[in-house]
Amino acid sequence: KNMVYLQMNSLKPEDTAVYHCGARTYDSTWYDTAPS
């Protein structure tokens, strides 16, 4: 379905934010979680 989900439970006030999804090419550096 070309869909990605984020199930959020036990939410806390500090979770308040704008949530974005981002995409990148899957390669050998996939484990680098930096937004950049």
Full PDB file with SEQRES, HELIX, SHEET, SSBOND, CRYST1, ORIGX, SCALE, CONECT and MASTER records, all heavy atoms in Angstrom:
SEQRES   1 A   36  LYS ASN MET VAL TYR LEU GLN MET ASN SER LEU LYS PRO          
SEQRES   2 A   36  GLU ASP THR ALA VAL TYR HIS CYS GLY ALA ARG THR TYR          
SEQRES   3 A   36  ASP SER THR TRP TYR ASP THR ALA PRO SER                      
HELIX    1 AA1 PRO A   13  ASP A   15  5                                   3    
CRYST1    1.000    1.000    1.000  90.00  90.00  90.00 P 1           1          
ORIGX1      1.000000  0.000000  0.000000        0.00000                         
ORIGX2      0.000000  1.000000  0.000000        0.00000                         
ORIGX3      0.000000  0.000000  1.000000        0.00000                         
SCALE1      1.000000  0.000000  0.000000        0.00000                         
SCALE2      0.000000  1.000000  0.000000        0.00000                         
SCALE3      0.000000  0.000000  1.000000        0.00000                         
ATOM      1  N   LYS A   1       0.806  -1.213   0.000  1.00  0.00           N  
ATOM      2  CA  LYS A   1       0.000   0.000   0.000  1.00  0.00           C  
ATOM      3  C   LYS A   1       0.844   1.270   0.000  1.00  0.00           C  
ATOM      4  O   LYS A   1       0.291   2.369  -0.010  1.00  0.00           O  
ATOM      5  CB  LYS A   1      -0.931   0.014   1.210  1.00  0.00           C  
ATOM      6  CG  LYS A   1      -1.963  -1.095   1.221  1.00  0.00           C  
ATOM      7  CD  LYS A   1      -2.866  -0.985   2.437  1.00  0.00           C  
ATOM      8  CE  LYS A   1      -3.925  -2.063   2.442  1.00  0.00           C  
ATOM      9  NZ  LYS A   1      -4.805  -1.964   3.630  1.00  0.00           N  
ATOM     10  N   ASN A   2       2.150   1.109   0.016  1.00  0.00           N  
ATOM     11  CA  ASN A   2       3.055   2.260   0.098  1.00  0.00           C  
ATOM     12  C   ASN A   2       2.712   3.155   1.289  1.00  0.00           C  
ATOM     13  O   ASN A   2       2.627   4.379   1.172  1.00  0.00           O  
ATOM     14  CB  ASN A   2       3.037   3.068  -1.199  1.00  0.00           C  
ATOM     15  CG  ASN A   2       3.665   2.322  -2.361  1.00  0.00           C  
ATOM     16  OD1 ASN A   2       4.640   1.604  -2.195  1.00  0.00           O  
ATOM     17  ND2 ASN A   2       3.101   2.496  -3.544  1.00  0.00           N  
ATOM     18  N   MET A   3       2.524   2.519   2.429  1.00  0.00           N  
ATOM     19  CA  MET A   3       2.159   3.229   3.642  1.00  0.00           C  
ATOM     20  C   MET A   3       3.116   2.881   4.772  1.00  0.00           C  
ATOM     21  O   MET A   3       3.571   1.741   4.890  1.00  0.00           O  
ATOM     22  CB  MET A   3       0.734   2.883   4.069  1.00  0.00           C  
ATOM     23  CG  MET A   3      -0.344   3.292   3.079  1.00  0.00           C  
ATOM     24  SD  MET A   3      -0.586   5.082   3.038  1.00  0.00           S  
ATOM     25  CE  MET A   3      -1.351   5.359   4.639  1.00  0.00           C  
ATOM     26  N   VAL A   4       3.402   3.856   5.586  1.00  0.00           N  
ATOM     27  CA  VAL A   4       4.162   3.676   6.809  1.00  0.00           C  
ATOM     28  C   VAL A   4       3.346   4.251   7.953  1.00  0.00           C  
ATOM     29  O   VAL A   4       2.745   5.312   7.813  1.00  0.00           O  
ATOM     30  CB  VAL A   4       5.547   4.347   6.722  1.00  0.00           C  
ATOM     31  CG1 VAL A   4       6.302   4.204   8.038  1.00  0.00           C  
ATOM     32  CG2 VAL A   4       6.366   3.738   5.592  1.00  0.00           C  
ATOM     33  N   TYR A   5       3.350   3.553   9.081  1.00  0.00           N  
ATOM     34  CA  TYR A   5       2.519   3.947  10.209  1.00  0.00           C  
ATOM     35  C   TYR A   5       3.370   4.163  11.453  1.00  0.00           C  
ATOM     36  O   TYR A   5       4.459   3.602  11.597  1.00  0.00           O  
ATOM     37  CB  TYR A   5       1.475   2.874  10.505  1.00  0.00           C  
ATOM     38  CG  TYR A   5       0.625   2.512   9.321  1.00  0.00           C  
ATOM     39  CD1 TYR A   5       0.903   1.376   8.566  1.00  0.00           C  
ATOM     40  CD2 TYR A   5      -0.455   3.302   8.950  1.00  0.00           C  
ATOM     41  CE1 TYR A   5       0.127   1.041   7.469  1.00  0.00           C  
ATOM     42  CE2 TYR A   5      -1.231   2.976   7.855  1.00  0.00           C  
ATOM     43  CZ  TYR A   5      -0.941   1.843   7.122  1.00  0.00           C  
ATOM     44  OH  TYR A   5      -1.718   1.517   6.034  1.00  0.00           O  
ATOM     45  N   LEU A   6       2.851   4.965  12.342  1.00  0.00           N  
ATOM     46  CA  LEU A   6       3.436   5.122  13.658  1.00  0.00           C  
ATOM     47  C   LEU A   6       2.321   5.008  14.683  1.00  0.00           C  
ATOM     48  O   LEU A   6       1.494   5.916  14.808  1.00  0.00           O  
ATOM     49  CB  LEU A   6       4.148   6.475  13.807  1.00  0.00           C  
ATOM     50  CG  LEU A   6       4.892   6.679  15.116  1.00  0.00           C  
ATOM     51  CD1 LEU A   6       6.104   5.759  15.192  1.00  0.00           C  
ATOM     52  CD2 LEU A   6       5.317   8.138  15.280  1.00  0.00           C  
ATOM     53  N   GLN A   7       2.295   3.881  15.375  1.00  0.00           N  
ATOM     54  CA  GLN A   7       1.332   3.684  16.445  1.00  0.00           C  
ATOM     55  C   GLN A   7       1.918   4.264  17.720  1.00  0.00           C  
ATOM     56  O   GLN A   7       2.980   3.836  18.165  1.00  0.00           O  
ATOM     57  CB  GLN A   7       1.017   2.205  16.631  1.00  0.00           C  
ATOM     58  CG  GLN A   7       0.042   1.906  17.758  1.00  0.00           C  
ATOM     59  CD  GLN A   7      -1.338   2.457  17.505  1.00  0.00           C  
ATOM     60  OE1 GLN A   7      -1.881   2.282  16.416  1.00  0.00           O  
ATOM     61  NE2 GLN A   7      -1.909   3.132  18.490  1.00  0.00           N  
ATOM     62  N   MET A   8       1.229   5.220  18.311  1.00  0.00           N  
ATOM     63  CA  MET A   8       1.710   5.914  19.496  1.00  0.00           C  
ATOM     64  C   MET A   8       0.777   5.611  20.655  1.00  0.00           C  
ATOM     65  O   MET A   8      -0.410   5.938  20.604  1.00  0.00           O  
ATOM     66  CB  MET A   8       1.787   7.422  19.257  1.00  0.00           C  
ATOM     67  CG  MET A   8       2.641   7.805  18.055  1.00  0.00           C  
ATOM     68  SD  MET A   8       2.859   9.594  17.902  1.00  0.00           S  
ATOM     69  CE  MET A   8       1.171  10.085  17.562  1.00  0.00           C  
ATOM     70  N   ASN A   9       1.317   4.991  21.686  1.00  0.00           N  
ATOM     71  CA  ASN A   9       0.567   4.668  22.887  1.00  0.00           C  
ATOM     72  C   ASN A   9       1.192   5.364  24.086  1.00  0.00           C  
ATOM     73  O   ASN A   9       2.336   5.802  24.044  1.00  0.00           O  
ATOM     74  CB  ASN A   9       0.546   3.151  23.114  1.00  0.00           C  
ATOM     75  CG  ASN A   9      -0.107   2.392  21.993  1.00  0.00           C  
ATOM     76  OD1 ASN A   9      -1.103   2.836  21.418  1.00  0.00           O  
ATOM     77  ND2 ASN A   9       0.435   1.214  21.682  1.00  0.00           N  
ATOM     78  N   SER A  10       0.434   5.435  25.157  1.00  0.00           N  
ATOM     79  CA  SER A  10       0.914   6.051  26.400  1.00  0.00           C  
ATOM     80  C   SER A  10       1.519   7.418  26.148  1.00  0.00           C  
ATOM     81  O   SER A  10       2.609   7.746  26.619  1.00  0.00           O  
ATOM     82  CB  SER A  10       1.931   5.127  27.080  1.00  0.00           C  
ATOM     83  OG  SER A  10       1.365   3.866  27.372  1.00  0.00           O  
ATOM     84  N   LEU A  11       0.804   8.231  25.413  1.00  0.00           N  
ATOM     85  CA  LEU A  11       1.319   9.541  25.031  1.00  0.00           C  
ATOM     86  C   LEU A  11       1.509  10.441  26.247  1.00  0.00           C  
ATOM     87  O   LEU A  11       0.736  10.398  27.206  1.00  0.00           O  
ATOM     88  CB  LEU A  11       0.380  10.197  24.031  1.00  0.00           C  
ATOM     89  CG  LEU A  11       0.494   9.647  22.607  1.00  0.00           C  
ATOM     90  CD1 LEU A  11      -0.729   9.998  21.789  1.00  0.00           C  
ATOM     91  CD2 LEU A  11       1.758  10.189  21.938  1.00  0.00           C  
ATOM     92  N   LYS A  12       2.548  11.252  26.166  1.00  0.00           N  
ATOM     93  CA  LYS A  12       2.899  12.188  27.216  1.00  0.00           C  
ATOM     94  C   LYS A  12       2.874  13.608  26.667  1.00  0.00           C  
ATOM     95  O   LYS A  12       3.051  13.812  25.470  1.00  0.00           O  
ATOM     96  CB  LYS A  12       4.306  11.883  27.745  1.00  0.00           C  
ATOM     97  CG  LYS A  12       4.500  10.461  28.245  1.00  0.00           C  
ATOM     98  CD  LYS A  12       5.954  10.220  28.621  1.00  0.00           C  
ATOM     99  CE  LYS A  12       6.172   8.808  29.106  1.00  0.00           C  
ATOM    100  NZ  LYS A  12       7.590   8.560  29.455  1.00  0.00           N  
ATOM    101  N   PRO A  13       2.679  14.607  27.533  1.00  0.00           N  
ATOM    102  CA  PRO A  13       2.703  15.990  27.046  1.00  0.00           C  
ATOM    103  C   PRO A  13       3.972  16.341  26.281  1.00  0.00           C  
ATOM    104  O   PRO A  13       3.912  17.124  25.325  1.00  0.00           O  
ATOM    105  CB  PRO A  13       2.571  16.814  28.330  1.00  0.00           C  
ATOM    106  CG  PRO A  13       1.790  15.932  29.241  1.00  0.00           C  
ATOM    107  CD  PRO A  13       2.288  14.532  28.951  1.00  0.00           C  
ATOM    108  N   GLU A  14       5.098  15.770  26.662  1.00  0.00           N  
ATOM    109  CA  GLU A  14       6.344  16.058  25.970  1.00  0.00           C  
ATOM    110  C   GLU A  14       6.412  15.459  24.568  1.00  0.00           C  
ATOM    111  O   GLU A  14       7.354  15.738  23.820  1.00  0.00           O  
ATOM    112  CB  GLU A  14       7.552  15.599  26.793  1.00  0.00           C  
ATOM    113  CG  GLU A  14       7.485  14.156  27.245  1.00  0.00           C  
ATOM    114  CD  GLU A  14       6.985  14.008  28.672  1.00  0.00           C  
ATOM    115  OE1 GLU A  14       6.001  14.688  29.031  1.00  0.00           O  
ATOM    116  OE2 GLU A  14       7.582  13.224  29.434  1.00  0.00           O  
ATOM    117  N   ASP A  15       5.433  14.644  24.199  1.00  0.00           N  
ATOM    118  CA  ASP A  15       5.344  14.140  22.835  1.00  0.00           C  
ATOM    119  C   ASP A  15       4.717  15.158  21.891  1.00  0.00           C  
ATOM    120  O   ASP A  15       4.681  14.934  20.674  1.00  0.00           O  
ATOM    121  CB  ASP A  15       4.526  12.851  22.783  1.00  0.00           C  
ATOM    122  CG  ASP A  15       5.189  11.701  23.526  1.00  0.00           C  
ATOM    123  OD1 ASP A  15       6.421  11.542  23.416  1.00  0.00           O  
ATOM    124  OD2 ASP A  15       4.465  10.948  24.212  1.00  0.00           O  
ATOM    125  N   THR A  16       4.207  16.247  22.422  1.00  0.00           N  
ATOM    126  CA  THR A  16       3.577  17.272  21.601  1.00  0.00           C  
ATOM    127  C   THR A  16       4.579  17.838  20.601  1.00  0.00           C  
ATOM    128  O   THR A  16       5.649  18.311  20.975  1.00  0.00           O  
ATOM    129  CB  THR A  16       3.017  18.391  22.475  1.00  0.00           C  
ATOM    130  OG1 THR A  16       1.969  17.872  23.305  1.00  0.00           O  
ATOM    131  CG2 THR A  16       2.461  19.526  21.626  1.00  0.00           C  
ATOM    132  N   ALA A  17       4.228  17.787  19.329  1.00  0.00           N  
ATOM    133  CA  ALA A  17       5.117  18.241  18.267  1.00  0.00           C  
ATOM    134  C   ALA A  17       4.407  18.092  16.935  1.00  0.00           C  
ATOM    135  O   ALA A  17       3.345  17.473  16.843  1.00  0.00           O  
ATOM    136  CB  ALA A  17       6.416  17.426  18.254  1.00  0.00           C  
ATOM    137  N   VAL A  18       5.010  18.649  15.904  1.00  0.00           N  
ATOM    138  CA  VAL A  18       4.617  18.334  14.541  1.00  0.00           C  
ATOM    139  C   VAL A  18       5.400  17.096  14.127  1.00  0.00           C  
ATOM    140  O   VAL A  18       6.632  17.076  14.209  1.00  0.00           O  
ATOM    141  CB  VAL A  18       4.889  19.497  13.572  1.00  0.00           C  
ATOM    142  CG1 VAL A  18       4.554  19.091  12.142  1.00  0.00           C  
ATOM    143  CG2 VAL A  18       4.088  20.727  13.983  1.00  0.00           C  
ATOM    144  N   TYR A  19       4.694  16.076  13.698  1.00  0.00           N  
ATOM    145  CA  TYR A  19       5.317  14.828  13.298  1.00  0.00           C  
ATOM    146  C   TYR A  19       5.418  14.773  11.779  1.00  0.00           C  
ATOM    147  O   TYR A  19       4.417  14.928  11.072  1.00  0.00           O  
ATOM    148  CB  TYR A  19       4.526  13.635  13.825  1.00  0.00           C  
ATOM    149  CG  TYR A  19       4.765  13.387  15.290  1.00  0.00           C  
ATOM    150  CD1 TYR A  19       4.270  14.267  16.253  1.00  0.00           C  
ATOM    151  CD2 TYR A  19       5.506  12.284  15.722  1.00  0.00           C  
ATOM    152  CE1 TYR A  19       4.511  14.062  17.602  1.00  0.00           C  
ATOM    153  CE2 TYR A  19       5.741  12.071  17.066  1.00  0.00           C  
ATOM    154  CZ  TYR A  19       5.243  12.957  18.002  1.00  0.00           C  
ATOM    155  OH  TYR A  19       5.480  12.741  19.343  1.00  0.00           O  
ATOM    156  N   HIS A  20       6.619  14.554  11.297  1.00  0.00           N  
ATOM    157  CA  HIS A  20       6.902  14.474   9.867  1.00  0.00           C  
ATOM    158  C   HIS A  20       7.372  13.081   9.508  1.00  0.00           C  
ATOM    159  O   HIS A  20       8.086  12.443  10.278  1.00  0.00           O  
ATOM    160  CB  HIS A  20       8.008  15.453   9.464  1.00  0.00           C  
ATOM    161  CG  HIS A  20       7.696  16.893   9.695  1.00  0.00           C  
ATOM    162  ND1 HIS A  20       7.224  17.707   8.684  1.00  0.00           N  
ATOM    163  CD2 HIS A  20       7.807  17.670  10.797  1.00  0.00           C  
ATOM    164  CE1 HIS A  20       7.061  18.931   9.171  1.00  0.00           C  
ATOM    165  NE2 HIS A  20       7.406  18.939  10.445  1.00  0.00           N  
ATOM    166  N   CYS A  21       7.005  12.625   8.323  1.00  0.00           N  
ATOM    167  CA  CYS A  21       7.675  11.458   7.778  1.00  0.00           C  
ATOM    168  C   CYS A  21       8.673  11.907   6.724  1.00  0.00           C  
ATOM    169  O   CYS A  21       8.459  12.892   6.013  1.00  0.00           O  
ATOM    170  CB  CYS A  21       6.696  10.421   7.214  1.00  0.00           C  
ATOM    171  SG  CYS A  21       5.586  10.976   5.914  1.00  0.00           S  
ATOM    172  N   GLY A  22       9.775  11.215   6.668  1.00  0.00           N  
ATOM    173  CA  GLY A  22      10.824  11.503   5.707  1.00  0.00           C  
ATOM    174  C   GLY A  22      11.267  10.235   5.019  1.00  0.00           C  
ATOM    175  O   GLY A  22      11.069   9.135   5.531  1.00  0.00           O  
ATOM    176  N   ALA A  23      11.884  10.379   3.861  1.00  0.00           N  
ATOM    177  CA  ALA A  23      12.336   9.226   3.089  1.00  0.00           C  
ATOM    178  C   ALA A  23      13.747   9.455   2.569  1.00  0.00           C  
ATOM    179  O   ALA A  23      14.175  10.597   2.352  1.00  0.00           O  
ATOM    180  CB  ALA A  23      11.382   8.937   1.939  1.00  0.00           C  
ATOM    181  N   ARG A  24      14.437   8.355   2.359  1.00  0.00           N  
ATOM    182  CA  ARG A  24      15.790   8.381   1.821  1.00  0.00           C  
ATOM    183  C   ARG A  24      16.056   7.085   1.095  1.00  0.00           C  
ATOM    184  O   ARG A  24      15.341   6.095   1.272  1.00  0.00           O  
ATOM    185  CB  ARG A  24      16.821   8.566   2.936  1.00  0.00           C  
ATOM    186  CG  ARG A  24      16.748   7.478   3.998  1.00  0.00           C  
ATOM    187  CD  ARG A  24      17.956   7.474   4.909  1.00  0.00           C  
ATOM    188  NE  ARG A  24      19.161   7.039   4.210  1.00  0.00           N  
ATOM    189  CZ  ARG A  24      20.355   6.886   4.766  1.00  0.00           C  
ATOM    190  NH1 ARG A  24      20.506   7.155   6.057  1.00  0.00           N  
ATOM    191  NH2 ARG A  24      21.390   6.493   4.049  1.00  0.00           N  
ATOM    192  N   THR A  25      17.100   7.059   0.291  1.00  0.00           N  
ATOM    193  CA  THR A  25      17.528   5.834  -0.363  1.00  0.00           C  
ATOM    194  C   THR A  25      18.040   4.845   0.673  1.00  0.00           C  
ATOM    195  O   THR A  25      18.762   5.212   1.600  1.00  0.00           O  
ATOM    196  CB  THR A  25      18.633   6.130  -1.387  1.00  0.00           C  
ATOM    197  OG1 THR A  25      18.164   7.065  -2.348  1.00  0.00           O  
ATOM    198  CG2 THR A  25      19.063   4.854  -2.101  1.00  0.00           C  
ATOM    199  N   TYR A  26      17.652   3.591   0.519  1.00  0.00           N  
ATOM    200  CA  TYR A  26      18.141   2.544   1.404  1.00  0.00           C  
ATOM    201  C   TYR A  26      19.514   2.096   0.921  1.00  0.00           C  
ATOM    202  O   TYR A  26      19.651   1.578  -0.188  1.00  0.00           O  
ATOM    203  CB  TYR A  26      17.172   1.370   1.415  1.00  0.00           C  
ATOM    204  CG  TYR A  26      17.649   0.189   2.214  1.00  0.00           C  
ATOM    205  CD1 TYR A  26      17.885   0.301   3.577  1.00  0.00           C  
ATOM    206  CD2 TYR A  26      17.858  -1.049   1.611  1.00  0.00           C  
ATOM    207  CE1 TYR A  26      18.325  -0.785   4.323  1.00  0.00           C  
ATOM    208  CE2 TYR A  26      18.291  -2.135   2.351  1.00  0.00           C  
ATOM    209  CZ  TYR A  26      18.527  -2.000   3.707  1.00  0.00           C  
ATOM    210  OH  TYR A  26      18.951  -3.079   4.435  1.00  0.00           O  
ATOM    211  N   ASP A  27      20.523   2.302   1.750  1.00  0.00           N  
ATOM    212  CA  ASP A  27      21.873   1.903   1.417  1.00  0.00           C  
ATOM    213  C   ASP A  27      22.587   1.441   2.678  1.00  0.00           C  
ATOM    214  O   ASP A  27      21.958   1.212   3.707  1.00  0.00           O  
ATOM    215  CB  ASP A  27      22.622   3.038   0.704  1.00  0.00           C  
ATOM    216  CG  ASP A  27      22.701   4.318   1.519  1.00  0.00           C  
ATOM    217  OD1 ASP A  27      22.751   4.253   2.764  1.00  0.00           O  
ATOM    218  OD2 ASP A  27      22.711   5.404   0.903  1.00  0.00           O  
ATOM    219  N   SER A  28      23.907   1.339   2.613  1.00  0.00           N  
ATOM    220  CA  SER A  28      24.663   0.795   3.735  1.00  0.00           C  
ATOM    221  C   SER A  28      24.677   1.707   4.956  1.00  0.00           C  
ATOM    222  O   SER A  28      25.087   1.271   6.034  1.00  0.00           O  
ATOM    223  CB  SER A  28      26.102   0.495   3.304  1.00  0.00           C  
ATOM    224  OG  SER A  28      26.767   1.670   2.879  1.00  0.00           O  
ATOM    225  N   THR A  29      24.249   2.939   4.817  1.00  0.00           N  
ATOM    226  CA  THR A  29      24.187   3.864   5.947  1.00  0.00           C  
ATOM    227  C   THR A  29      22.782   3.984   6.514  1.00  0.00           C  
ATOM    228  O   THR A  29      22.477   4.961   7.207  1.00  0.00           O  
ATOM    229  CB  THR A  29      24.708   5.257   5.551  1.00  0.00           C  
ATOM    230  OG1 THR A  29      23.793   5.887   4.648  1.00  0.00           O  
ATOM    231  CG2 THR A  29      26.079   5.154   4.908  1.00  0.00           C  
ATOM    232  N   TRP A  30      21.935   2.994   6.271  1.00  0.00           N  
ATOM    233  CA  TRP A  30      20.542   3.052   6.680  1.00  0.00           C  
ATOM    234  C   TRP A  30      20.359   3.291   8.158  1.00  0.00           C  
ATOM    235  O   TRP A  30      19.345   3.846   8.591  1.00  0.00           O  
ATOM    236  CB  TRP A  30      19.817   1.766   6.280  1.00  0.00           C  
ATOM    237  CG  TRP A  30      20.271   0.571   7.069  1.00  0.00           C  
ATOM    238  CD1 TRP A  30      21.281  -0.289   6.755  1.00  0.00           C  
ATOM    239  CD2 TRP A  30      19.733   0.122   8.315  1.00  0.00           C  
ATOM    240  NE1 TRP A  30      21.404  -1.252   7.725  1.00  0.00           N  
ATOM    241  CE2 TRP A  30      20.462  -1.026   8.696  1.00  0.00           C  
ATOM    242  CE3 TRP A  30      18.700   0.562   9.139  1.00  0.00           C  
ATOM    243  CZ2 TRP A  30      20.198  -1.729   9.867  1.00  0.00           C  
ATOM    244  CZ3 TRP A  30      18.434  -0.136  10.313  1.00  0.00           C  
ATOM    245  CH2 TRP A  30      19.180  -1.265  10.658  1.00  0.00           C  
ATOM    246  N   TYR A  31      21.328   2.870   8.962  1.00  0.00           N  
ATOM    247  CA  TYR A  31      21.251   2.961  10.419  1.00  0.00           C  
ATOM    248  C   TYR A  31      21.478   4.367  10.950  1.00  0.00           C  
ATOM    249  O   TYR A  31      21.292   4.620  12.138  1.00  0.00           O  
ATOM    250  CB  TYR A  31      22.275   2.013  11.042  1.00  0.00           C  
ATOM    251  CG  TYR A  31      23.667   2.210  10.495  1.00  0.00           C  
ATOM    252  CD1 TYR A  31      24.498   3.194  10.994  1.00  0.00           C  
ATOM    253  CD2 TYR A  31      24.130   1.419   9.438  1.00  0.00           C  
ATOM    254  CE1 TYR A  31      25.765   3.394  10.467  1.00  0.00           C  
ATOM    255  CE2 TYR A  31      25.399   1.611   8.907  1.00  0.00           C  
ATOM    256  CZ  TYR A  31      26.208   2.601   9.424  1.00  0.00           C  
ATOM    257  OH  TYR A  31      27.463   2.797   8.903  1.00  0.00           O  
ATOM    258  N   ASP A  32      21.912   5.279  10.091  1.00  0.00           N  
ATOM    259  CA  ASP A  32      22.115   6.668  10.493  1.00  0.00           C  
ATOM    260  C   ASP A  32      20.753   7.355  10.560  1.00  0.00           C  
ATOM    261  O   ASP A  32      20.105   7.573   9.535  1.00  0.00           O  
ATOM    262  CB  ASP A  32      23.028   7.369   9.490  1.00  0.00           C  
ATOM    263  CG  ASP A  32      23.438   8.762   9.925  1.00  0.00           C  
ATOM    264  OD1 ASP A  32      22.792   9.333  10.834  1.00  0.00           O  
ATOM    265  OD2 ASP A  32      24.408   9.289   9.353  1.00  0.00           O  
ATOM    266  N   THR A  33      20.320   7.691  11.752  1.00  0.00           N  
ATOM    267  CA  THR A  33      18.982   8.223  11.962  1.00  0.00           C  
ATOM    268  C   THR A  33      18.909   9.749  11.936  1.00  0.00           C  
ATOM    269  O   THR A  33      17.857  10.320  12.233  1.00  0.00           O  
ATOM    270  CB  THR A  33      18.409   7.721  13.294  1.00  0.00           C  
ATOM    271  OG1 THR A  33      19.259   8.150  14.369  1.00  0.00           O  
ATOM    272  CG2 THR A  33      18.323   6.196  13.300  1.00  0.00           C  
ATOM    273  N   ALA A  34      19.982  10.409  11.596  1.00  0.00           N  
ATOM    274  CA  ALA A  34      19.989  11.871  11.569  1.00  0.00           C  
ATOM    275  C   ALA A  34      18.964  12.390  10.573  1.00  0.00           C  
ATOM    276  O   ALA A  34      18.895  11.916   9.435  1.00  0.00           O  
ATOM    277  CB  ALA A  34      21.376  12.384  11.207  1.00  0.00           C  
ATOM    278  N   PRO A  35      18.167  13.376  10.980  1.00  0.00           N  
ATOM    279  CA  PRO A  35      17.180  13.939  10.037  1.00  0.00           C  
ATOM    280  C   PRO A  35      17.800  14.442   8.739  1.00  0.00           C  
ATOM    281  O   PRO A  35      17.146  14.403   7.693  1.00  0.00           O  
ATOM    282  CB  PRO A  35      16.551  15.092  10.836  1.00  0.00           C  
ATOM    283  CG  PRO A  35      16.716  14.677  12.267  1.00  0.00           C  
ATOM    284  CD  PRO A  35      18.039  13.959  12.314  1.00  0.00           C  
ATOM    285  N   SER A  36      19.048  14.887   8.796  1.00  0.00           N  
ATOM    286  CA  SER A  36      19.708  15.414   7.607  1.00  0.00           C  
ATOM    287  C   SER A  36      19.899  14.370   6.526  1.00  0.00           C  
ATOM    288  O   SER A  36      20.112  14.717   5.366  1.00  0.00           O  
ATOM    289  CB  SER A  36      21.054  16.036   7.978  1.00  0.00           C  
ATOM    290  OG  SER A  36      21.928  15.070   8.532  1.00  0.00           O  
TER     291      SER A  36                                                      
MASTER        0    0    0    1    0    0    0    6  290    1    0    3          
END                                                                             
